[in-house]
């Protein structure tokens, strides 16, 4: 046990909901960032900056990281690094709106990995959600709208990795200080990205004022603040409830993309997004929906 005092679930969920608005803004800003920096360079700088800021804020607590805490943080860091890099590279080839909706598929993948990792079987509602999301994804990326491209494929793999990450974060978060887990994730992601630069890309960076402003926001709000809040408060709610909260990220991202850069996904894309959200809601509220039905039958 980590000895931390529990807080109310309502309070924890209100914090998690605020994260989805922050994350929704990152897709458009990352598109801007990639105009001035190559993907691995951007990820390395973003998480190196986050590591420095986080270490300055939590210096005293970081001196007590245990070996087990280090190991758990490294597992999360590898998953975070792989997911972020795939999502970032994918954004070079797809739109901000599509990237957000495809990333949102992690909410449906999560029950699958809960089954394999925690031995928690998905409900019937989860399987219905999977079917609906598959249909929605087809509509969102159909040839009549915009073809399924390499960017969408990379983002889909990212969604799988983030769903695994979510399961392990819930497991490790119950036993370790969230500050420890968060810092190790930041540092390992920065290091892995830096090592990968000469292996996977030709480094490119243009230090414009827009780049620095966007980087400062992305390093602080959706990284230092959001990932720490996620590590700290997700353990106070259930995977079902947290997943439905996170499913609000895609519509927020589409809203930012529309108002900031005028990005539109077309009628089929809108229908596909609605179907995806319907699948996410049914999947993650399956316990409530089917328990109500049983009570009505009785």
C-alpha atoms as a PDB file:
ATOM      1  CA  UNK A   1       0.000   0.000   0.000  1.00  0.00           C
ATOM      2  CA  UNK A   2       1.215   3.526  -0.693  1.00  0.00           C
ATOM      3  CA  UNK A   3      -0.391   5.120   2.363  1.00  0.00           C
ATOM      4  CA  UNK A   4      -2.187   7.920   0.524  1.00  0.00           C
ATOM      5  CA  UNK A   5      -5.585   9.067   1.754  1.00  0.00           C
ATOM      6  CA  UNK A   6      -8.449   8.494  -0.706  1.00  0.00           C
ATOM      7  CA  UNK A   7     -10.542  11.371  -2.044  1.00  0.00           C
ATOM      8  CA  UNK A   8     -14.075  11.431  -3.385  1.00  0.00           C
ATOM      9  CA  UNK A   9     -14.699   9.805  -6.756  1.00  0.00           C
ATOM     10  CA  UNK A  10     -16.631  12.863  -7.954  1.00  0.00           C
ATOM     11  CA  UNK A  11     -13.661  15.116  -7.315  1.00  0.00           C
ATOM     12  CA  UNK A  12     -11.250  12.732  -9.006  1.00  0.00           C
ATOM     13  CA  UNK A  13     -13.500  12.394 -12.054  1.00  0.00           C
ATOM     14  CA  UNK A  14     -13.868  16.178 -12.367  1.00  0.00           C
ATOM     15  CA  UNK A  15     -10.078  16.413 -12.606  1.00  0.00           C
ATOM     16  CA  UNK A  16      -9.944  13.654 -15.225  1.00  0.00           C
ATOM     17  CA  UNK A  17     -12.658  15.369 -17.271  1.00  0.00           C
ATOM     18  CA  UNK A  18     -10.624  18.578 -17.338  1.00  0.00           C
ATOM     19  CA  UNK A  19      -7.760  16.600 -18.893  1.00  0.00           C
ATOM     20  CA  UNK A  20      -9.818  15.721 -21.959  1.00  0.00           C
ATOM     21  CA  UNK A  21     -10.229  19.393 -22.819  1.00  0.00           C
ATOM     22  CA  UNK A  22      -6.475  19.938 -22.466  1.00  0.00           C
ATOM     23  CA  UNK A  23      -5.661  16.864 -24.545  1.00  0.00           C
ATOM     24  CA  UNK A  24      -8.174  17.911 -27.178  1.00  0.00           C
ATOM     25  CA  UNK A  25      -6.142  21.065 -27.818  1.00  0.00           C
ATOM     26  CA  UNK A  26      -2.879  19.181 -28.396  1.00  0.00           C
ATOM     27  CA  UNK A  27      -3.670  17.733 -31.828  1.00  0.00           C
ATOM     28  CA  UNK A  28      -3.859  21.091 -33.616  1.00  0.00           C
ATOM     29  CA  UNK A  29      -0.852  22.477 -31.746  1.00  0.00           C
ATOM     30  CA  UNK A  30       1.215  19.416 -32.591  1.00  0.00           C
ATOM     31  CA  UNK A  31       0.382  19.949 -36.263  1.00  0.00           C
ATOM     32  CA  UNK A  32       1.860  23.452 -35.884  1.00  0.00           C
ATOM     33  CA  UNK A  33       4.912  22.116 -34.005  1.00  0.00           C
ATOM     34  CA  UNK A  34       5.708  19.625 -36.774  1.00  0.00           C
ATOM     35  CA  UNK A  35       6.113  22.496 -39.226  1.00  0.00           C
ATOM     36  CA  UNK A  36       9.226  23.539 -37.285  1.00  0.00           C
ATOM     37  CA  UNK A  37      10.584  20.269 -35.868  1.00  0.00           C
ATOM     38  CA  UNK A  38      10.910  16.610 -36.802  1.00  0.00           C
ATOM     39  CA  UNK A  39       8.806  14.213 -34.674  1.00  0.00           C
ATOM     40  CA  UNK A  40      11.515  12.595 -32.524  1.00  0.00           C
ATOM     41  CA  UNK A  41      13.218  15.929 -31.889  1.00  0.00           C
ATOM     42  CA  UNK A  42       9.910  17.403 -30.763  1.00  0.00           C
ATOM     43  CA  UNK A  43       9.090  14.481 -28.444  1.00  0.00           C
ATOM     44  CA  UNK A  44      12.608  14.541 -26.945  1.00  0.00           C
ATOM     45  CA  UNK A  45      12.505  18.290 -26.257  1.00  0.00           C
ATOM     46  CA  UNK A  46       8.942  18.219 -24.932  1.00  0.00           C
ATOM     47  CA  UNK A  47       9.601  15.460 -22.405  1.00  0.00           C
ATOM     48  CA  UNK A  48      13.082  16.677 -21.473  1.00  0.00           C
ATOM     49  CA  UNK A  49      11.534  20.063 -20.667  1.00  0.00           C
ATOM     50  CA  UNK A  50       8.746  18.339 -18.732  1.00  0.00           C
ATOM     51  CA  UNK A  51      11.322  16.288 -16.787  1.00  0.00           C
ATOM     52  CA  UNK A  52      13.231  19.393 -15.707  1.00  0.00           C
ATOM     53  CA  UNK A  53      10.080  21.236 -14.657  1.00  0.00           C
ATOM     54  CA  UNK A  54       8.693  18.231 -12.805  1.00  0.00           C
ATOM     55  CA  UNK A  55      11.990  17.569 -10.988  1.00  0.00           C
ATOM     56  CA  UNK A  56      12.073  21.202  -9.832  1.00  0.00           C
ATOM     57  CA  UNK A  57       8.529  20.934  -8.470  1.00  0.00           C
ATOM     58  CA  UNK A  58       8.842  17.536  -6.761  1.00  0.00           C
ATOM     59  CA  UNK A  59      12.555  17.365  -5.909  1.00  0.00           C
ATOM     60  CA  UNK A  60      12.105  16.155  -2.328  1.00  0.00           C
ATOM     61  CA  UNK A  61       9.637  13.399  -3.206  1.00  0.00           C
ATOM     62  CA  UNK A  62      11.793  12.155  -6.070  1.00  0.00           C
ATOM     63  CA  UNK A  63      14.677  11.353  -3.703  1.00  0.00           C
ATOM     64  CA  UNK A  64      12.717   8.378  -2.339  1.00  0.00           C
ATOM     65  CA  UNK A  65      12.055   6.464  -5.576  1.00  0.00           C
ATOM     66  CA  UNK A  66      12.277   2.731  -4.927  1.00  0.00           C
ATOM     67  CA  UNK A  67      13.670   0.108  -7.275  1.00  0.00           C
ATOM     68  CA  UNK A  68      10.188  -1.281  -7.846  1.00  0.00           C
ATOM     69  CA  UNK A  69       8.848   2.204  -8.499  1.00  0.00           C
ATOM     70  CA  UNK A  70      11.648   2.740 -10.998  1.00  0.00           C
ATOM     71  CA  UNK A  71      10.788  -0.491 -12.804  1.00  0.00           C
ATOM     72  CA  UNK A  72       7.082   0.341 -12.962  1.00  0.00           C
ATOM     73  CA  UNK A  73       7.805   3.852 -14.222  1.00  0.00           C
ATOM     74  CA  UNK A  74      10.070   2.467 -16.948  1.00  0.00           C
ATOM     75  CA  UNK A  75       7.354   0.095 -18.177  1.00  0.00           C
ATOM     76  CA  UNK A  76       4.937   3.019 -18.389  1.00  0.00           C
ATOM     77  CA  UNK A  77       7.624   5.193 -19.992  1.00  0.00           C
ATOM     78  CA  UNK A  78       8.289   2.738 -22.814  1.00  0.00           C
ATOM     79  CA  UNK A  79       4.567   2.512 -23.583  1.00  0.00           C
ATOM     80  CA  UNK A  80       4.178   6.281 -23.370  1.00  0.00           C
ATOM     81  CA  UNK A  81       7.164   6.876 -25.646  1.00  0.00           C
ATOM     82  CA  UNK A  82       5.975   4.429 -28.297  1.00  0.00           C
ATOM     83  CA  UNK A  83       2.433   5.772 -28.219  1.00  0.00           C
ATOM     84  CA  UNK A  84       3.446   9.430 -28.397  1.00  0.00           C
ATOM     85  CA  UNK A  85       5.916   8.886 -31.219  1.00  0.00           C
ATOM     86  CA  UNK A  86       3.423   6.939 -33.315  1.00  0.00           C
ATOM     87  CA  UNK A  87       0.737   9.546 -32.716  1.00  0.00           C
ATOM     88  CA  UNK A  88       3.130  12.395 -33.543  1.00  0.00           C
ATOM     89  CA  UNK A  89       4.437  10.810 -36.744  1.00  0.00           C
ATOM     90  CA  UNK A  90       0.884   9.897 -37.696  1.00  0.00           C
ATOM     91  CA  UNK A  91      -0.156  13.544 -37.435  1.00  0.00           C
ATOM     92  CA  UNK A  92       2.172  14.336 -40.337  1.00  0.00           C
ATOM     93  CA  UNK A  93      -0.084  12.280 -42.613  1.00  0.00           C
ATOM     94  CA  UNK A  94      -3.600  12.691 -41.194  1.00  0.00           C
ATOM     95  CA  UNK A  95      -5.802  15.457 -39.844  1.00  0.00           C
ATOM     96  CA  UNK A  96      -6.026  16.541 -36.218  1.00  0.00           C
ATOM     97  CA  UNK A  97      -9.684  15.470 -36.025  1.00  0.00           C
ATOM     98  CA  UNK A  98      -9.081  11.977 -37.422  1.00  0.00           C
ATOM     99  CA  UNK A  99      -6.046  11.511 -35.206  1.00  0.00           C
ATOM    100  CA  UNK A 100      -8.132  12.307 -32.124  1.00  0.00           C
ATOM    101  CA  UNK A 101     -10.990   9.969 -33.082  1.00  0.00           C
ATOM    102  CA  UNK A 102      -8.661   7.075 -33.933  1.00  0.00           C
ATOM    103  CA  UNK A 103      -6.736   7.620 -30.695  1.00  0.00           C
ATOM    104  CA  UNK A 104     -10.104   7.431 -28.923  1.00  0.00           C
ATOM    105  CA  UNK A 105     -10.337   3.767 -29.909  1.00  0.00           C
ATOM    106  CA  UNK A 106      -8.132   3.041 -26.896  1.00  0.00           C
ATOM    107  CA  UNK A 107     -11.333   3.200 -24.843  1.00  0.00           C
ATOM    108  CA  UNK A 108     -12.696   0.118 -26.584  1.00  0.00           C
ATOM    109  CA  UNK A 109      -9.350  -1.714 -26.705  1.00  0.00           C
ATOM    110  CA  UNK A 110      -8.887  -1.290 -22.959  1.00  0.00           C
ATOM    111  CA  UNK A 111     -11.352  -4.081 -21.940  1.00  0.00           C
ATOM    112  CA  UNK A 112      -9.474  -6.495 -24.207  1.00  0.00           C
ATOM    113  CA  UNK A 113      -6.216  -5.844 -22.386  1.00  0.00           C
ATOM    114  CA  UNK A 114      -7.938  -5.886 -19.025  1.00  0.00           C
ATOM    115  CA  UNK A 115      -8.943  -9.435 -19.912  1.00  0.00           C
ATOM    116  CA  UNK A 116      -5.418 -10.512 -20.865  1.00  0.00           C
ATOM    117  CA  UNK A 117      -3.548  -8.567 -18.171  1.00  0.00           C
ATOM    118  CA  UNK A 118      -5.952  -8.430 -15.209  1.00  0.00           C
ATOM    119  CA  UNK A 119      -8.187 -11.372 -16.171  1.00  0.00           C
ATOM    120  CA  UNK A 120     -11.286  -9.151 -16.274  1.00  0.00           C
ATOM    121  CA  UNK A 121     -13.609 -10.265 -19.052  1.00  0.00           C
ATOM    122  CA  UNK A 122     -15.371  -7.646 -21.211  1.00  0.00           C
ATOM    123  CA  UNK A 123     -19.165  -7.438 -21.026  1.00  0.00           C
ATOM    124  CA  UNK A 124     -21.611  -7.901 -23.895  1.00  0.00           C
ATOM    125  CA  UNK A 125     -21.873  -4.133 -24.094  1.00  0.00           C
ATOM    126  CA  UNK A 126     -18.118  -3.917 -24.662  1.00  0.00           C
ATOM    127  CA  UNK A 127     -18.394  -6.208 -27.672  1.00  0.00           C
ATOM    128  CA  UNK A 128     -21.315  -4.186 -29.080  1.00  0.00           C
ATOM    129  CA  UNK A 129     -19.159  -1.116 -28.636  1.00  0.00           C
ATOM    130  CA  UNK A 130     -16.311  -2.723 -30.576  1.00  0.00           C
ATOM    131  CA  UNK A 131     -18.619  -3.380 -33.549  1.00  0.00           C
ATOM    132  CA  UNK A 132     -20.020   0.160 -33.516  1.00  0.00           C
ATOM    133  CA  UNK A 133     -16.561   1.694 -33.273  1.00  0.00           C
ATOM    134  CA  UNK A 134     -15.336  -0.414 -36.210  1.00  0.00           C
ATOM    135  CA  UNK A 135     -18.249   0.867 -38.313  1.00  0.00           C
ATOM    136  CA  UNK A 136     -17.613   4.419 -37.177  1.00  0.00           C
ATOM    137  CA  UNK A 137     -13.926   4.157 -38.000  1.00  0.00           C
ATOM    138  CA  UNK A 138     -14.768   2.980 -41.517  1.00  0.00           C
ATOM    139  CA  UNK A 139     -17.118   5.932 -42.039  1.00  0.00           C
ATOM    140  CA  UNK A 140     -14.559   8.342 -40.617  1.00  0.00           C
ATOM    141  CA  UNK A 141     -11.807   7.116 -42.915  1.00  0.00           C
ATOM    142  CA  UNK A 142     -13.831   5.847 -45.889  1.00  0.00           C
ATOM    143  CA  UNK A 143     -12.728   6.604 -49.472  1.00  0.00           C
ATOM    144  CA  UNK A 144     -15.727   8.896 -49.901  1.00  0.00           C
ATOM    145  CA  UNK A 145     -14.465  10.948 -46.987  1.00  0.00           C
ATOM    146  CA  UNK A 146     -10.707  10.571 -46.703  1.00  0.00           C
ATOM    147  CA  UNK A 147      -8.790   7.360 -47.265  1.00  0.00           C
ATOM    148  CA  UNK A 148      -7.316   5.292 -44.468  1.00  0.00           C
ATOM    149  CA  UNK A 149      -3.644   6.231 -44.743  1.00  0.00           C
ATOM    150  CA  UNK A 150      -0.334   5.518 -43.045  1.00  0.00           C
ATOM    151  CA  UNK A 151      -1.034   8.262 -40.512  1.00  0.00           C
ATOM    152  CA  UNK A 152      -4.297   6.613 -39.478  1.00  0.00           C
ATOM    153  CA  UNK A 153      -2.573   3.215 -39.223  1.00  0.00           C
ATOM    154  CA  UNK A 154       0.193   4.572 -36.974  1.00  0.00           C
ATOM    155  CA  UNK A 155      -2.400   6.298 -34.801  1.00  0.00           C
ATOM    156  CA  UNK A 156      -4.395   3.070 -34.533  1.00  0.00           C
ATOM    157  CA  UNK A 157      -1.295   1.290 -33.171  1.00  0.00           C
ATOM    158  CA  UNK A 158      -0.865   4.244 -30.824  1.00  0.00           C
ATOM    159  CA  UNK A 159      -4.406   3.666 -29.532  1.00  0.00           C
ATOM    160  CA  UNK A 160      -3.563   0.029 -28.782  1.00  0.00           C
ATOM    161  CA  UNK A 161      -0.442   1.046 -26.862  1.00  0.00           C
ATOM    162  CA  UNK A 162      -2.286   3.732 -24.913  1.00  0.00           C
ATOM    163  CA  UNK A 163      -4.937   1.193 -23.900  1.00  0.00           C
ATOM    164  CA  UNK A 164      -2.203  -1.090 -22.519  1.00  0.00           C
ATOM    165  CA  UNK A 165      -0.693   1.951 -20.823  1.00  0.00           C
ATOM    166  CA  UNK A 166      -4.040   2.772 -19.182  1.00  0.00           C
ATOM    167  CA  UNK A 167      -4.369  -0.720 -17.718  1.00  0.00           C
ATOM    168  CA  UNK A 168      -0.839  -0.726 -16.286  1.00  0.00           C
ATOM    169  CA  UNK A 169      -1.203   2.823 -14.964  1.00  0.00           C
ATOM    170  CA  UNK A 170      -4.227   1.670 -12.978  1.00  0.00           C
ATOM    171  CA  UNK A 171      -2.255  -1.276 -11.599  1.00  0.00           C
ATOM    172  CA  UNK A 172       0.940   0.589 -10.725  1.00  0.00           C
ATOM    173  CA  UNK A 173      -0.880   3.699  -9.516  1.00  0.00           C
ATOM    174  CA  UNK A 174      -2.325   1.748  -6.601  1.00  0.00           C
ATOM    175  CA  UNK A 175       1.132   0.915  -5.238  1.00  0.00           C
ATOM    176  CA  UNK A 176       3.469   3.810  -6.072  1.00  0.00           C
ATOM    177  CA  UNK A 177       3.734   7.559  -5.564  1.00  0.00           C
ATOM    178  CA  UNK A 178       2.289   9.233  -8.688  1.00  0.00           C
ATOM    179  CA  UNK A 179       5.172  11.731  -8.672  1.00  0.00           C
ATOM    180  CA  UNK A 180       7.655   8.864  -8.961  1.00  0.00           C
ATOM    181  CA  UNK A 181       5.792   7.201 -11.808  1.00  0.00           C
ATOM    182  CA  UNK A 182       5.315  10.487 -13.661  1.00  0.00           C
ATOM    183  CA  UNK A 183       8.943  11.609 -13.481  1.00  0.00           C
ATOM    184  CA  UNK A 184      10.340   8.240 -14.602  1.00  0.00           C
ATOM    185  CA  UNK A 185       7.900   8.259 -17.532  1.00  0.00           C
ATOM    186  CA  UNK A 186       9.001  11.739 -18.598  1.00  0.00           C
ATOM    187  CA  UNK A 187      12.720  11.013 -18.285  1.00  0.00           C
ATOM    188  CA  UNK A 188      12.584   7.642 -20.061  1.00  0.00           C
ATOM    189  CA  UNK A 189      10.439   9.030 -22.893  1.00  0.00           C
ATOM    190  CA  UNK A 190      12.873  11.927 -23.408  1.00  0.00           C
ATOM    191  CA  UNK A 191      15.864   9.577 -23.390  1.00  0.00           C
ATOM    192  CA  UNK A 192      14.317   7.048 -25.778  1.00  0.00           C
ATOM    193  CA  UNK A 193      13.286   9.816 -28.176  1.00  0.00           C
ATOM    194  CA  UNK A 194      16.802  11.317 -28.139  1.00  0.00           C
ATOM    195  CA  UNK A 195      18.409   7.929 -28.798  1.00  0.00           C
ATOM    196  CA  UNK A 196      15.970   7.295 -31.665  1.00  0.00           C
ATOM    197  CA  UNK A 197      16.700  10.541 -33.542  1.00  0.00           C
ATOM    198  CA  UNK A 198      19.739   9.325 -35.516  1.00  0.00           C
ATOM    199  CA  UNK A 199      18.068   5.957 -36.109  1.00  0.00           C
ATOM    200  CA  UNK A 200      14.740   7.060 -37.565  1.00  0.00           C
ATOM    201  CA  UNK A 201      14.925  10.613 -38.891  1.00  0.00           C
ATOM    202  CA  UNK A 202      16.994  13.528 -40.070  1.00  0.00           C
ATOM    203  CA  UNK A 203      16.879  15.942 -37.157  1.00  0.00           C
ATOM    204  CA  UNK A 204      15.167  19.239 -37.925  1.00  0.00           C
ATOM    205  CA  UNK A 205      14.258  22.187 -35.704  1.00  0.00           C
ATOM    206  CA  UNK A 206      13.411  25.817 -36.344  1.00  0.00           C
ATOM    207  CA  UNK A 207      13.210  27.855 -33.126  1.00  0.00           C
ATOM    208  CA  UNK A 208      10.474  30.300 -34.085  1.00  0.00           C
ATOM    209  CA  UNK A 209       8.430  32.204 -31.516  1.00  0.00           C
ATOM    210  CA  UNK A 210       5.358  30.125 -32.420  1.00  0.00           C
ATOM    211  CA  UNK A 211       7.312  26.901 -31.912  1.00  0.00           C
ATOM    212  CA  UNK A 212       8.550  27.986 -28.477  1.00  0.00           C
ATOM    213  CA  UNK A 213       5.104  29.142 -27.354  1.00  0.00           C
ATOM    214  CA  UNK A 214       3.413  25.934 -28.481  1.00  0.00           C
ATOM    215  CA  UNK A 215       6.194  23.839 -26.935  1.00  0.00           C
ATOM    216  CA  UNK A 216       5.876  25.651 -23.602  1.00  0.00           C
ATOM    217  CA  UNK A 217       2.139  24.937 -23.485  1.00  0.00           C
ATOM    218  CA  UNK A 218       2.525  21.295 -24.569  1.00  0.00           C
ATOM    219  CA  UNK A 219       5.302  20.656 -22.055  1.00  0.00           C
ATOM    220  CA  UNK A 220       3.383  22.164 -19.137  1.00  0.00           C
ATOM    221  CA  UNK A 221      -0.362  21.590 -19.494  1.00  0.00           C
ATOM    222  CA  UNK A 222      -0.902  18.254 -21.316  1.00  0.00           C
ATOM    223  CA  UNK A 223       2.391  16.787 -20.041  1.00  0.00           C
ATOM    224  CA  UNK A 224       3.475  17.925 -16.566  1.00  0.00           C
ATOM    225  CA  UNK A 225      -0.017  18.799 -15.333  1.00  0.00           C
ATOM    226  CA  UNK A 226      -2.220  16.306 -17.191  1.00  0.00           C
ATOM    227  CA  UNK A 227      -0.103  13.166 -16.855  1.00  0.00           C
ATOM    228  CA  UNK A 228       0.546  13.796 -13.173  1.00  0.00           C
ATOM    229  CA  UNK A 229      -3.171  14.343 -12.527  1.00  0.00           C
ATOM    230  CA  UNK A 230      -3.946  11.155 -14.471  1.00  0.00           C
ATOM    231  CA  UNK A 231      -1.388   9.153 -12.464  1.00  0.00           C
ATOM    232  CA  UNK A 232      -2.689  10.582  -9.185  1.00  0.00           C
ATOM    233  CA  UNK A 233      -6.463  10.403  -9.611  1.00  0.00           C
ATOM    234  CA  UNK A 234      -7.302   7.582 -12.021  1.00  0.00           C
ATOM    235  CA  UNK A 235      -7.045   5.019  -9.228  1.00  0.00           C
ATOM    236  CA  UNK A 236      -9.984   6.646  -7.428  1.00  0.00           C
ATOM    237  CA  UNK A 237     -12.498   5.698 -10.120  1.00  0.00           C
ATOM    238  CA  UNK A 238     -13.288   2.575 -12.113  1.00  0.00           C
ATOM    239  CA  UNK A 239     -11.835   1.785 -15.558  1.00  0.00           C
ATOM    240  CA  UNK A 240     -15.368   2.024 -16.998  1.00  0.00           C
ATOM    241  CA  UNK A 241     -16.018   5.502 -15.648  1.00  0.00           C
ATOM    242  CA  UNK A 242     -12.564   6.841 -16.497  1.00  0.00           C
ATOM    243  CA  UNK A 243     -12.794   5.471 -20.029  1.00  0.00           C
ATOM    244  CA  UNK A 244     -16.081   7.195 -20.764  1.00  0.00           C
ATOM    245  CA  UNK A 245     -14.583  10.435 -19.440  1.00  0.00           C
ATOM    246  CA  UNK A 246     -11.590  10.084 -21.776  1.00  0.00           C
ATOM    247  CA  UNK A 247     -13.929   9.496 -24.727  1.00  0.00           C
ATOM    248  CA  UNK A 248     -14.708  13.211 -24.639  1.00  0.00           C
ATOM    249  CA  UNK A 249     -11.253  13.978 -26.040  1.00  0.00           C
ATOM    250  CA  UNK A 250     -12.106  13.397 -29.758  1.00  0.00           C
ATOM    251  CA  UNK A 251     -15.041  15.845 -29.923  1.00  0.00           C
ATOM    252  CA  UNK A 252     -12.977  18.452 -28.080  1.00  0.00           C
ATOM    253  CA  UNK A 253     -10.151  17.926 -30.587  1.00  0.00           C
ATOM    254  CA  UNK A 254     -12.546  18.270 -33.531  1.00  0.00           C
ATOM    255  CA  UNK A 255     -13.886  21.484 -32.004  1.00  0.00           C
ATOM    256  CA  UNK A 256     -10.392  22.979 -31.653  1.00  0.00           C
ATOM    257  CA  UNK A 257      -9.472  21.873 -35.184  1.00  0.00           C
ATOM    258  CA  UNK A 258     -12.578  23.510 -36.621  1.00  0.00           C
ATOM    259  CA  UNK A 259     -12.255  26.841 -34.822  1.00  0.00           C
ATOM    260  CA  UNK A 260      -8.461  27.210 -35.026  1.00  0.00           C
ATOM    261  CA  UNK A 261      -7.614  25.921 -38.513  1.00  0.00           C
ATOM    262  CA  UNK A 262     -11.040  25.435 -40.092  1.00  0.00           C
ATOM    263  CA  UNK A 263     -10.527  21.691 -40.422  1.00  0.00           C
ATOM    264  CA  UNK A 264     -13.633  19.759 -41.502  1.00  0.00           C
ATOM    265  CA  UNK A 265     -14.165  16.016 -41.668  1.00  0.00           C
ATOM    266  CA  UNK A 266     -17.246  15.995 -43.931  1.00  0.00           C
ATOM    267  CA  UNK A 267     -20.696  14.474 -43.427  1.00  0.00           C
ATOM    268  CA  UNK A 268     -19.493  10.861 -43.357  1.00  0.00           C
ATOM    269  CA  UNK A 269     -16.769  11.843 -40.945  1.00  0.00           C
ATOM    270  CA  UNK A 270     -19.297  13.497 -38.638  1.00  0.00           C
ATOM    271  CA  UNK A 271     -21.565  10.432 -38.796  1.00  0.00           C
ATOM    272  CA  UNK A 272     -18.574   8.172 -38.192  1.00  0.00           C
ATOM    273  CA  UNK A 273     -17.522  10.233 -35.193  1.00  0.00           C
ATOM    274  CA  UNK A 274     -21.030  10.025 -33.731  1.00  0.00           C
ATOM    275  CA  UNK A 275     -21.106   6.246 -34.240  1.00  0.00           C
ATOM    276  CA  UNK A 276     -17.684   5.922 -32.597  1.00  0.00           C
ATOM    277  CA  UNK A 277     -18.800   7.942 -29.589  1.00  0.00           C
ATOM    278  CA  UNK A 278     -21.980   5.832 -29.398  1.00  0.00           C
ATOM    279  CA  UNK A 279     -19.863   2.697 -29.371  1.00  0.00           C
ATOM    280  CA  UNK A 280     -17.612   4.106 -26.675  1.00  0.00           C
ATOM    281  CA  UNK A 281     -20.571   5.059 -24.503  1.00  0.00           C
ATOM    282  CA  UNK A 282     -22.294   1.671 -24.878  1.00  0.00           C
ATOM    283  CA  UNK A 283     -19.022  -0.160 -24.292  1.00  0.00           C
ATOM    284  CA  UNK A 284     -18.083   1.723 -21.167  1.00  0.00           C
ATOM    285  CA  UNK A 285     -21.575   1.998 -19.657  1.00  0.00           C
ATOM    286  CA  UNK A 286     -22.458  -1.624 -20.345  1.00  0.00           C
ATOM    287  CA  UNK A 287     -22.650  -2.510 -16.637  1.00  0.00           C
ATOM    288  CA  UNK A 288     -25.195   0.227 -15.961  1.00  0.00           C
ATOM    289  CA  UNK A 289     -27.236  -0.367 -19.122  1.00  0.00           C
ATOM    290  CA  UNK A 290     -27.559  -4.119 -18.694  1.00  0.00           C
ATOM    291  CA  UNK A 291     -28.201  -3.960 -14.952  1.00  0.00           C
ATOM    292  CA  UNK A 292     -31.131  -1.615 -15.615  1.00  0.00           C
ATOM    293  CA  UNK A 293     -32.492  -4.044 -18.194  1.00  0.00           C
ATOM    294  CA  UNK A 294     -32.277  -6.931 -15.730  1.00  0.00           C
ATOM    295  CA  UNK A 295     -34.145  -4.931 -13.107  1.00  0.00           C
ATOM    296  CA  UNK A 296     -36.894  -4.110 -15.607  1.00  0.00           C
ATOM    297  CA  UNK A 297     -37.287  -7.802 -16.490  1.00  0.00           C
ATOM    298  CA  UNK A 298     -37.624  -8.688 -12.839  1.00  0.00           C
END
